[in-house]
Structure formats: structure tokens, C-alpha cells
N, C-alpha and C. Protein backbone atom coordinates (compact mmCIF):
# COMPACT_ATOMS: atom_id res chain seq x y z
N MET A 1 -2.19 -189.85 -3.30
CA MET A 1 -1.43 -188.68 -3.70
C MET A 1 -1.48 -187.60 -2.62
N LYS A 2 -2.70 -187.38 -2.07
CA LYS A 2 -2.83 -186.38 -1.02
C LYS A 2 -2.01 -186.78 0.21
N ASN A 3 -2.02 -188.07 0.55
CA ASN A 3 -1.25 -188.55 1.70
C ASN A 3 0.24 -188.34 1.50
N ALA A 4 0.73 -188.58 0.29
CA ALA A 4 2.15 -188.40 0.00
C ALA A 4 2.52 -186.92 0.12
N LEU A 5 1.66 -186.05 -0.38
CA LEU A 5 1.90 -184.62 -0.28
C LEU A 5 1.89 -184.17 1.18
N LEU A 6 0.94 -184.67 1.95
CA LEU A 6 0.84 -184.33 3.37
C LEU A 6 2.08 -184.80 4.14
N VAL A 7 2.51 -186.03 3.87
CA VAL A 7 3.71 -186.56 4.53
C VAL A 7 4.92 -185.73 4.14
N GLY A 8 5.03 -185.34 2.89
CA GLY A 8 6.14 -184.51 2.42
C GLY A 8 6.16 -183.16 3.11
N LEU A 9 5.00 -182.52 3.24
CA LEU A 9 4.93 -181.22 3.91
C LEU A 9 5.28 -181.34 5.39
N ILE A 10 4.79 -182.38 6.04
CA ILE A 10 5.11 -182.60 7.45
C ILE A 10 6.62 -182.83 7.62
N GLY A 11 7.20 -183.63 6.75
CA GLY A 11 8.64 -183.88 6.80
C GLY A 11 9.44 -182.61 6.60
N LEU A 12 9.01 -181.77 5.65
CA LEU A 12 9.68 -180.51 5.39
C LEU A 12 9.57 -179.59 6.61
N PHE A 13 8.40 -179.54 7.21
CA PHE A 13 8.17 -178.70 8.37
C PHE A 13 9.10 -179.07 9.53
N PHE A 14 9.24 -180.37 9.80
CA PHE A 14 10.06 -180.82 10.93
C PHE A 14 11.55 -180.83 10.62
N SER A 15 11.91 -180.72 9.37
CA SER A 15 13.34 -180.73 9.04
C SER A 15 13.92 -179.34 8.94
N CYS A 16 13.09 -178.30 9.03
CA CYS A 16 13.59 -176.93 8.95
C CYS A 16 14.53 -176.68 10.11
N ASN A 17 15.61 -175.99 9.83
CA ASN A 17 16.60 -175.71 10.84
C ASN A 17 16.58 -174.22 11.17
N SER A 18 15.78 -173.84 12.12
CA SER A 18 15.68 -172.43 12.49
C SER A 18 16.84 -172.05 13.40
N SER A 19 17.03 -170.74 13.58
CA SER A 19 18.11 -170.27 14.45
C SER A 19 17.88 -170.68 15.89
N ALA A 20 16.63 -170.91 16.29
CA ALA A 20 16.33 -171.34 17.66
C ALA A 20 16.85 -172.75 17.92
N GLN A 21 17.07 -173.53 16.86
CA GLN A 21 17.53 -174.90 17.02
C GLN A 21 19.05 -175.01 16.97
N LYS A 22 19.72 -173.95 16.57
CA LYS A 22 21.18 -173.98 16.46
C LYS A 22 21.79 -173.75 17.83
N PRO A 23 22.90 -174.43 18.12
CA PRO A 23 23.54 -174.21 19.42
C PRO A 23 24.05 -172.78 19.52
N GLU A 24 24.01 -172.24 20.75
CA GLU A 24 24.46 -170.89 20.98
C GLU A 24 25.97 -170.81 20.79
N LYS A 25 26.43 -169.80 20.08
CA LYS A 25 27.86 -169.61 19.84
C LYS A 25 28.51 -169.16 21.14
N LYS A 26 29.57 -169.85 21.54
CA LYS A 26 30.27 -169.51 22.77
C LYS A 26 31.30 -168.43 22.47
N GLU A 27 31.24 -167.34 23.22
CA GLU A 27 32.18 -166.24 23.05
C GLU A 27 33.56 -166.66 23.56
N THR A 28 34.58 -166.09 22.97
CA THR A 28 35.94 -166.30 23.47
C THR A 28 36.45 -164.97 24.00
N TYR A 29 37.18 -165.03 25.09
CA TYR A 29 37.67 -163.84 25.76
C TYR A 29 39.18 -163.93 25.92
N LYS A 30 39.82 -162.79 26.18
CA LYS A 30 41.28 -162.74 26.36
C LYS A 30 41.71 -163.63 27.52
N VAL A 31 40.94 -163.58 28.61
CA VAL A 31 41.20 -164.45 29.76
C VAL A 31 40.22 -165.61 29.65
N ASN A 32 40.74 -166.79 29.41
CA ASN A 32 39.90 -167.96 29.19
C ASN A 32 40.42 -169.09 30.07
N LYS A 33 39.63 -169.49 31.04
CA LYS A 33 40.03 -170.53 31.99
C LYS A 33 38.97 -171.62 32.04
N THR A 34 39.37 -172.78 32.53
CA THR A 34 38.41 -173.86 32.71
C THR A 34 37.54 -173.55 33.93
N GLU A 35 36.40 -174.21 34.01
CA GLU A 35 35.54 -174.01 35.18
C GLU A 35 36.26 -174.42 36.46
N ALA A 36 37.09 -175.45 36.39
CA ALA A 36 37.86 -175.88 37.57
C ALA A 36 38.82 -174.77 38.01
N GLN A 37 39.46 -174.10 37.05
CA GLN A 37 40.37 -173.01 37.40
C GLN A 37 39.60 -171.85 38.03
N TRP A 38 38.44 -171.50 37.46
CA TRP A 38 37.64 -170.42 38.03
C TRP A 38 37.20 -170.78 39.45
N LYS A 39 36.76 -172.02 39.67
CA LYS A 39 36.31 -172.44 41.00
C LYS A 39 37.44 -172.35 42.02
N LYS A 40 38.65 -172.62 41.60
CA LYS A 40 39.81 -172.57 42.49
C LYS A 40 40.17 -171.13 42.85
N GLU A 41 40.01 -170.21 41.90
CA GLU A 41 40.44 -168.82 42.08
C GLU A 41 39.38 -167.91 42.71
N LEU A 42 38.12 -168.22 42.53
CA LEU A 42 37.04 -167.36 43.01
C LEU A 42 36.40 -167.93 44.27
N THR A 43 35.82 -167.04 45.08
CA THR A 43 35.06 -167.52 46.22
C THR A 43 33.78 -168.18 45.68
N GLU A 44 33.07 -168.87 46.54
CA GLU A 44 31.83 -169.53 46.12
C GLU A 44 30.81 -168.51 45.57
N GLN A 45 30.68 -167.37 46.26
CA GLN A 45 29.74 -166.34 45.82
C GLN A 45 30.20 -165.68 44.53
N GLU A 46 31.49 -165.40 44.39
CA GLU A 46 32.02 -164.82 43.14
C GLU A 46 31.79 -165.77 41.97
N TYR A 47 32.03 -167.05 42.20
CA TYR A 47 31.81 -168.04 41.14
C TYR A 47 30.34 -168.08 40.73
N TYR A 48 29.46 -168.07 41.71
CA TYR A 48 28.02 -168.11 41.46
C TYR A 48 27.58 -166.93 40.58
N VAL A 49 28.05 -165.74 40.90
CA VAL A 49 27.66 -164.55 40.14
C VAL A 49 28.41 -164.46 38.82
N LEU A 50 29.74 -164.50 38.87
CA LEU A 50 30.55 -164.26 37.67
C LEU A 50 30.49 -165.37 36.64
N ARG A 51 30.43 -166.61 37.07
CA ARG A 51 30.50 -167.73 36.12
C ARG A 51 29.15 -168.40 35.87
N GLN A 52 28.20 -168.26 36.82
CA GLN A 52 26.89 -168.90 36.66
C GLN A 52 25.76 -167.89 36.49
N ALA A 53 26.12 -166.61 36.31
CA ALA A 53 25.16 -165.53 36.10
C ALA A 53 24.15 -165.41 37.24
N GLY A 54 24.62 -165.65 38.45
CA GLY A 54 23.76 -165.51 39.62
C GLY A 54 23.60 -164.05 40.02
N THR A 55 22.81 -163.83 41.05
CA THR A 55 22.58 -162.48 41.58
C THR A 55 22.75 -162.52 43.09
N GLU A 56 23.55 -161.59 43.61
CA GLU A 56 23.70 -161.50 45.06
C GLU A 56 22.45 -160.85 45.66
N ARG A 57 22.25 -161.05 46.93
CA ARG A 57 21.12 -160.43 47.63
C ARG A 57 21.29 -158.90 47.60
N PRO A 58 20.20 -158.16 47.42
CA PRO A 58 20.32 -156.70 47.45
C PRO A 58 20.78 -156.23 48.84
N PHE A 59 21.51 -155.14 48.86
CA PHE A 59 22.03 -154.50 50.07
C PHE A 59 23.04 -155.37 50.81
N SER A 60 23.57 -156.41 50.18
CA SER A 60 24.53 -157.29 50.84
C SER A 60 25.98 -156.90 50.57
N SER A 61 26.24 -156.07 49.58
CA SER A 61 27.60 -155.71 49.23
C SER A 61 28.04 -154.40 49.88
N PRO A 62 29.21 -154.40 50.51
CA PRO A 62 29.73 -153.14 51.06
C PRO A 62 30.03 -152.13 49.95
N LEU A 63 30.20 -152.59 48.71
CA LEU A 63 30.48 -151.67 47.60
C LEU A 63 29.25 -150.87 47.19
N ASN A 64 28.08 -151.27 47.66
CA ASN A 64 26.87 -150.51 47.35
C ASN A 64 26.98 -149.07 47.84
N LYS A 65 27.62 -148.87 48.97
CA LYS A 65 27.76 -147.53 49.56
C LYS A 65 29.19 -146.99 49.45
N GLU A 66 30.00 -147.54 48.56
CA GLU A 66 31.38 -147.07 48.37
C GLU A 66 31.38 -145.92 47.36
N TYR A 67 31.73 -144.72 47.87
CA TYR A 67 31.74 -143.54 47.00
C TYR A 67 33.10 -142.84 46.99
N SER A 68 34.14 -143.49 47.47
CA SER A 68 35.47 -142.91 47.43
C SER A 68 35.95 -142.81 45.98
N ALA A 69 36.89 -141.92 45.74
CA ALA A 69 37.46 -141.79 44.40
C ALA A 69 38.24 -143.05 44.05
N GLY A 70 37.99 -143.58 42.88
CA GLY A 70 38.69 -144.78 42.45
C GLY A 70 37.97 -145.44 41.29
N THR A 71 38.32 -146.69 41.07
CA THR A 71 37.79 -147.46 39.94
C THR A 71 37.34 -148.82 40.43
N PHE A 72 36.22 -149.29 39.88
CA PHE A 72 35.70 -150.62 40.19
C PHE A 72 36.17 -151.57 39.09
N HIS A 73 36.91 -152.61 39.50
CA HIS A 73 37.49 -153.58 38.58
C HIS A 73 36.72 -154.90 38.63
N CYS A 74 36.91 -155.72 37.61
CA CYS A 74 36.35 -157.07 37.60
C CYS A 74 37.04 -157.89 38.69
N ALA A 75 36.27 -158.55 39.53
CA ALA A 75 36.83 -159.36 40.62
C ALA A 75 37.53 -160.61 40.09
N ALA A 76 37.26 -161.01 38.87
CA ALA A 76 37.86 -162.22 38.32
C ALA A 76 39.18 -161.95 37.59
N CYS A 77 39.27 -160.81 36.87
CA CYS A 77 40.47 -160.60 36.03
C CYS A 77 41.09 -159.22 36.18
N ASN A 78 40.55 -158.38 37.05
CA ASN A 78 41.09 -157.06 37.37
C ASN A 78 40.94 -156.02 36.26
N THR A 79 40.07 -156.23 35.30
CA THR A 79 39.83 -155.23 34.26
C THR A 79 39.05 -154.06 34.86
N PRO A 80 39.49 -152.81 34.65
CA PRO A 80 38.71 -151.67 35.13
C PRO A 80 37.39 -151.56 34.37
N LEU A 81 36.28 -151.47 35.11
CA LEU A 81 34.95 -151.50 34.50
C LEU A 81 34.16 -150.21 34.68
N PHE A 82 34.21 -149.63 35.88
CA PHE A 82 33.40 -148.46 36.20
C PHE A 82 34.21 -147.48 37.03
N LYS A 83 34.03 -146.19 36.80
CA LYS A 83 34.69 -145.15 37.59
C LYS A 83 33.74 -144.68 38.69
N SER A 84 34.30 -144.36 39.85
CA SER A 84 33.48 -143.93 40.99
C SER A 84 32.71 -142.65 40.68
N GLU A 85 33.21 -141.81 39.82
CA GLU A 85 32.52 -140.56 39.48
C GLU A 85 31.20 -140.80 38.74
N HIS A 86 31.01 -142.03 38.23
CA HIS A 86 29.78 -142.37 37.52
C HIS A 86 28.84 -143.24 38.35
N LYS A 87 29.16 -143.38 39.64
CA LYS A 87 28.34 -144.20 40.54
C LYS A 87 27.25 -143.32 41.16
N PHE A 88 26.09 -143.91 41.38
CA PHE A 88 25.00 -143.18 42.03
C PHE A 88 24.19 -144.16 42.87
N ASP A 89 23.43 -143.63 43.82
CA ASP A 89 22.59 -144.46 44.69
C ASP A 89 21.23 -144.62 44.01
N SER A 90 21.00 -145.82 43.47
CA SER A 90 19.75 -146.09 42.77
C SER A 90 18.64 -146.53 43.73
N GLY A 91 19.02 -146.86 44.97
CA GLY A 91 18.04 -147.35 45.93
C GLY A 91 17.66 -148.80 45.74
N THR A 92 18.31 -149.48 44.78
CA THR A 92 17.97 -150.87 44.47
C THR A 92 18.68 -151.88 45.35
N GLY A 93 19.78 -151.45 45.98
CA GLY A 93 20.55 -152.38 46.81
C GLY A 93 21.76 -152.97 46.10
N TRP A 94 22.01 -152.56 44.87
CA TRP A 94 23.19 -152.99 44.13
C TRP A 94 23.96 -151.76 43.68
N PRO A 95 25.29 -151.86 43.61
CA PRO A 95 26.07 -150.75 43.06
C PRO A 95 25.54 -150.39 41.66
N SER A 96 25.34 -149.09 41.43
CA SER A 96 24.77 -148.63 40.17
C SER A 96 25.64 -147.52 39.58
N PHE A 97 25.77 -147.55 38.28
CA PHE A 97 26.60 -146.60 37.55
C PHE A 97 25.81 -146.11 36.34
N ASP A 98 26.07 -144.87 35.91
CA ASP A 98 25.36 -144.37 34.73
C ASP A 98 26.11 -144.65 33.43
N ARG A 99 27.31 -145.20 33.54
CA ARG A 99 28.08 -145.60 32.35
C ARG A 99 29.22 -146.53 32.76
N ALA A 100 29.68 -147.29 31.79
CA ALA A 100 30.82 -148.20 31.98
C ALA A 100 32.04 -147.59 31.29
N ILE A 101 33.21 -148.11 31.61
CA ILE A 101 34.42 -147.71 30.90
C ILE A 101 34.33 -148.32 29.51
N GLU A 102 34.35 -147.47 28.50
CA GLU A 102 34.13 -147.89 27.12
C GLU A 102 35.09 -149.01 26.70
N GLY A 103 34.52 -150.05 26.13
CA GLY A 103 35.29 -151.18 25.61
C GLY A 103 35.57 -152.27 26.63
N ASN A 104 35.34 -152.01 27.91
CA ASN A 104 35.66 -153.00 28.94
C ASN A 104 34.46 -153.82 29.40
N VAL A 105 33.27 -153.44 28.94
CA VAL A 105 32.05 -154.17 29.28
C VAL A 105 31.39 -154.62 27.98
N ALA A 106 31.00 -155.89 27.95
CA ALA A 106 30.31 -156.46 26.79
C ALA A 106 28.85 -156.67 27.16
N TYR A 107 27.99 -156.72 26.15
CA TYR A 107 26.56 -156.82 26.38
C TYR A 107 25.97 -158.00 25.61
N SER A 108 24.93 -158.60 26.19
CA SER A 108 24.20 -159.67 25.51
C SER A 108 22.74 -159.59 25.93
N THR A 109 21.91 -160.41 25.31
CA THR A 109 20.49 -160.43 25.63
C THR A 109 20.21 -161.57 26.60
N ASP A 110 19.46 -161.26 27.64
CA ASP A 110 19.10 -162.23 28.68
C ASP A 110 17.58 -162.37 28.70
N ASN A 111 17.09 -163.59 28.46
CA ASN A 111 15.65 -163.88 28.49
C ASN A 111 15.29 -164.87 29.58
N HIS A 112 16.16 -165.07 30.56
CA HIS A 112 15.96 -166.12 31.56
C HIS A 112 14.74 -165.91 32.46
N LEU A 113 14.29 -164.69 32.64
CA LEU A 113 13.14 -164.44 33.51
C LEU A 113 11.82 -164.33 32.75
N GLY A 114 11.87 -164.62 31.45
CA GLY A 114 10.65 -164.57 30.65
C GLY A 114 10.45 -163.24 29.95
N TYR A 115 11.36 -162.32 30.14
CA TYR A 115 11.33 -161.05 29.41
C TYR A 115 12.78 -160.68 29.07
N THR A 116 12.94 -159.77 28.14
CA THR A 116 14.28 -159.43 27.63
C THR A 116 14.94 -158.35 28.48
N ARG A 117 16.19 -158.63 28.87
CA ARG A 117 17.02 -157.65 29.57
C ARG A 117 18.37 -157.61 28.88
N THR A 118 19.11 -156.53 29.06
CA THR A 118 20.47 -156.43 28.55
C THR A 118 21.42 -156.83 29.68
N GLU A 119 22.14 -157.92 29.45
CA GLU A 119 23.09 -158.43 30.44
C GLU A 119 24.46 -157.84 30.17
N GLU A 120 25.20 -157.61 31.24
CA GLU A 120 26.56 -157.06 31.12
C GLU A 120 27.58 -158.11 31.56
N HIS A 121 28.68 -158.15 30.81
CA HIS A 121 29.78 -159.06 31.08
C HIS A 121 31.09 -158.30 31.04
N CYS A 122 32.07 -158.79 31.75
CA CYS A 122 33.42 -158.26 31.60
C CYS A 122 33.89 -158.63 30.19
N ALA A 123 34.35 -157.66 29.42
CA ALA A 123 34.78 -157.91 28.05
C ALA A 123 36.09 -158.67 27.99
N THR A 124 36.81 -158.78 29.10
CA THR A 124 38.09 -159.49 29.12
C THR A 124 37.93 -160.96 29.47
N CYS A 125 37.11 -161.27 30.49
CA CYS A 125 36.98 -162.67 30.93
C CYS A 125 35.58 -163.25 30.75
N GLY A 126 34.61 -162.41 30.40
CA GLY A 126 33.25 -162.90 30.19
C GLY A 126 32.43 -163.04 31.46
N GLY A 127 32.98 -162.63 32.60
CA GLY A 127 32.26 -162.75 33.86
C GLY A 127 30.98 -161.94 33.87
N HIS A 128 29.90 -162.54 34.38
CA HIS A 128 28.60 -161.86 34.50
C HIS A 128 28.71 -160.77 35.55
N LEU A 129 28.28 -159.56 35.19
CA LEU A 129 28.33 -158.43 36.11
C LEU A 129 26.95 -158.05 36.64
N GLY A 130 25.97 -158.01 35.76
CA GLY A 130 24.62 -157.58 36.12
C GLY A 130 23.85 -157.24 34.86
N HIS A 131 23.02 -156.19 34.93
CA HIS A 131 22.18 -155.79 33.80
C HIS A 131 22.16 -154.27 33.69
N VAL A 132 21.84 -153.78 32.52
CA VAL A 132 21.71 -152.34 32.31
C VAL A 132 20.26 -152.03 31.94
N PHE A 133 19.74 -150.95 32.55
CA PHE A 133 18.35 -150.55 32.37
C PHE A 133 18.30 -149.08 31.94
N ASN A 134 17.18 -148.69 31.39
CA ASN A 134 17.00 -147.31 30.91
C ASN A 134 16.30 -146.42 31.93
N ASP A 135 16.51 -146.67 33.21
CA ASP A 135 15.85 -145.86 34.25
C ASP A 135 16.86 -145.16 35.15
N GLY A 136 18.01 -144.83 34.58
CA GLY A 136 19.05 -144.14 35.34
C GLY A 136 18.85 -142.64 35.36
N PRO A 137 19.83 -141.91 35.86
CA PRO A 137 19.71 -140.44 35.97
C PRO A 137 19.51 -139.78 34.61
N ARG A 138 18.43 -139.05 34.49
CA ARG A 138 18.11 -138.38 33.22
C ARG A 138 19.07 -137.25 32.90
N ASP A 139 19.70 -136.68 33.93
CA ASP A 139 20.62 -135.56 33.68
C ASP A 139 21.99 -136.03 33.17
N THR A 140 22.22 -137.34 33.12
CA THR A 140 23.48 -137.84 32.55
C THR A 140 23.15 -138.73 31.35
N THR A 141 23.24 -140.05 31.51
CA THR A 141 23.04 -140.96 30.37
C THR A 141 21.65 -141.59 30.33
N GLY A 142 20.92 -141.55 31.45
CA GLY A 142 19.63 -142.23 31.51
C GLY A 142 19.76 -143.73 31.73
N LYS A 143 20.99 -144.22 31.86
CA LYS A 143 21.24 -145.65 32.05
C LYS A 143 21.50 -145.96 33.52
N ARG A 144 21.11 -147.17 33.91
CA ARG A 144 21.44 -147.70 35.25
C ARG A 144 22.10 -149.05 35.06
N HIS A 145 23.41 -149.06 35.22
CA HIS A 145 24.16 -150.31 35.18
C HIS A 145 24.05 -150.88 36.59
N CYS A 146 23.21 -151.89 36.76
CA CYS A 146 22.93 -152.50 38.05
C CYS A 146 23.86 -153.70 38.20
N ILE A 147 24.88 -153.57 39.05
CA ILE A 147 26.00 -154.51 39.08
C ILE A 147 26.08 -155.22 40.43
N ASN A 148 26.35 -156.50 40.37
CA ASN A 148 26.58 -157.28 41.59
C ASN A 148 27.90 -156.83 42.21
N GLY A 149 27.86 -156.41 43.48
CA GLY A 149 29.08 -155.96 44.16
C GLY A 149 30.14 -157.03 44.24
N VAL A 150 29.74 -158.29 44.37
CA VAL A 150 30.70 -159.38 44.49
C VAL A 150 31.49 -159.58 43.18
N ALA A 151 30.97 -159.04 42.08
CA ALA A 151 31.67 -159.14 40.79
C ALA A 151 32.71 -158.05 40.64
N LEU A 152 32.77 -157.14 41.62
CA LEU A 152 33.66 -155.99 41.54
C LEU A 152 34.71 -155.99 42.64
N GLU A 153 35.79 -155.31 42.35
CA GLU A 153 36.82 -155.02 43.36
C GLU A 153 37.11 -153.53 43.24
N PHE A 154 37.03 -152.83 44.36
CA PHE A 154 37.25 -151.38 44.33
C PHE A 154 38.74 -151.10 44.49
N VAL A 155 39.27 -150.28 43.57
CA VAL A 155 40.67 -149.86 43.62
C VAL A 155 40.67 -148.35 43.86
N PRO A 156 41.05 -147.92 45.09
CA PRO A 156 41.05 -146.49 45.40
C PRO A 156 42.05 -145.73 44.51
N GLU A 157 41.73 -144.45 44.27
CA GLU A 157 42.64 -143.60 43.51
C GLU A 157 43.92 -143.41 44.31
N ASN A 158 45.05 -143.46 43.64
CA ASN A 158 46.38 -143.34 44.26
C ASN A 158 46.59 -144.43 45.27
């Protein structure tokens, strides 16, 4: 009787379906392309960052020091993401902004490095942009949107 109860409890334990065992729900975006289409349209580095959630080397993007008036768009789908007036020099080597254009950036949780970070994506195509941290300028939002320059395209004002 004890063995039957033990076997039953073990079976119940292993048959539980926790949320960790469920497949991750794939988001759908307005711009939805196959990986082959993205590979054809993006450079190798853009594909690595935008589609594979990679990170460019710090201080490698010319957009890190771009402070002209204008807007930073998604390099994959041209959605406006950040305004130059919200850009600041964080000293990290990546373009940094204290806020995004509302509704154009989506957020998710990233645990790939063993700790939790807030990941940023283009809300139109789902392209990986970077991460947002709470160590930005205290006199504005306190946020630092740390963005891969290769994920952006700068569009000058006028």
C-alpha cells in the first residue's frame, strides 16, 4: 500500500505542468518576415543584433556620438524609436536615451546572463534593440535605454 501511494505521488509530481515547461508564446508584430527574408535585407551585424539579440562591441557605432537634431529609427523597419533631444552620453559606449517614443518600443524580460534585465524591442517588427536600466539621468526619467547603434538609423530633422 505504501509503495502504491509513493508511486502515485511520484507520478503526480512528474506529471505537473508548470509554466516553466510550457513553450514560450511567440509575439506577432505588424512587420513579420521569415528569417530568410531578414537575412537578405539586413547586414550580417544588423541580423545578429536585431534578429538574434546580439550585442555590438561598445564604442563601435558612429551613432554613439551622434547628437544632431533628428530621430533614431529601427534599422529593420524604419519605425521612429528615439528622439535626439532625449539622447545623452552614458559613457558606456552605446547610444543611450532617457526615454523612447511612446508605443514604438516593446519590453520583455531577459534572463540570458543569469540575472533579470528589461529587454527592448521594436514594437513594429520585434527587432532586439538593447536593454533599459534604472541608472539614467536623475534630473529627467532616471532611465538609460542602452541601445545597439547597428539597430538604429539616424534620420536628421528636415
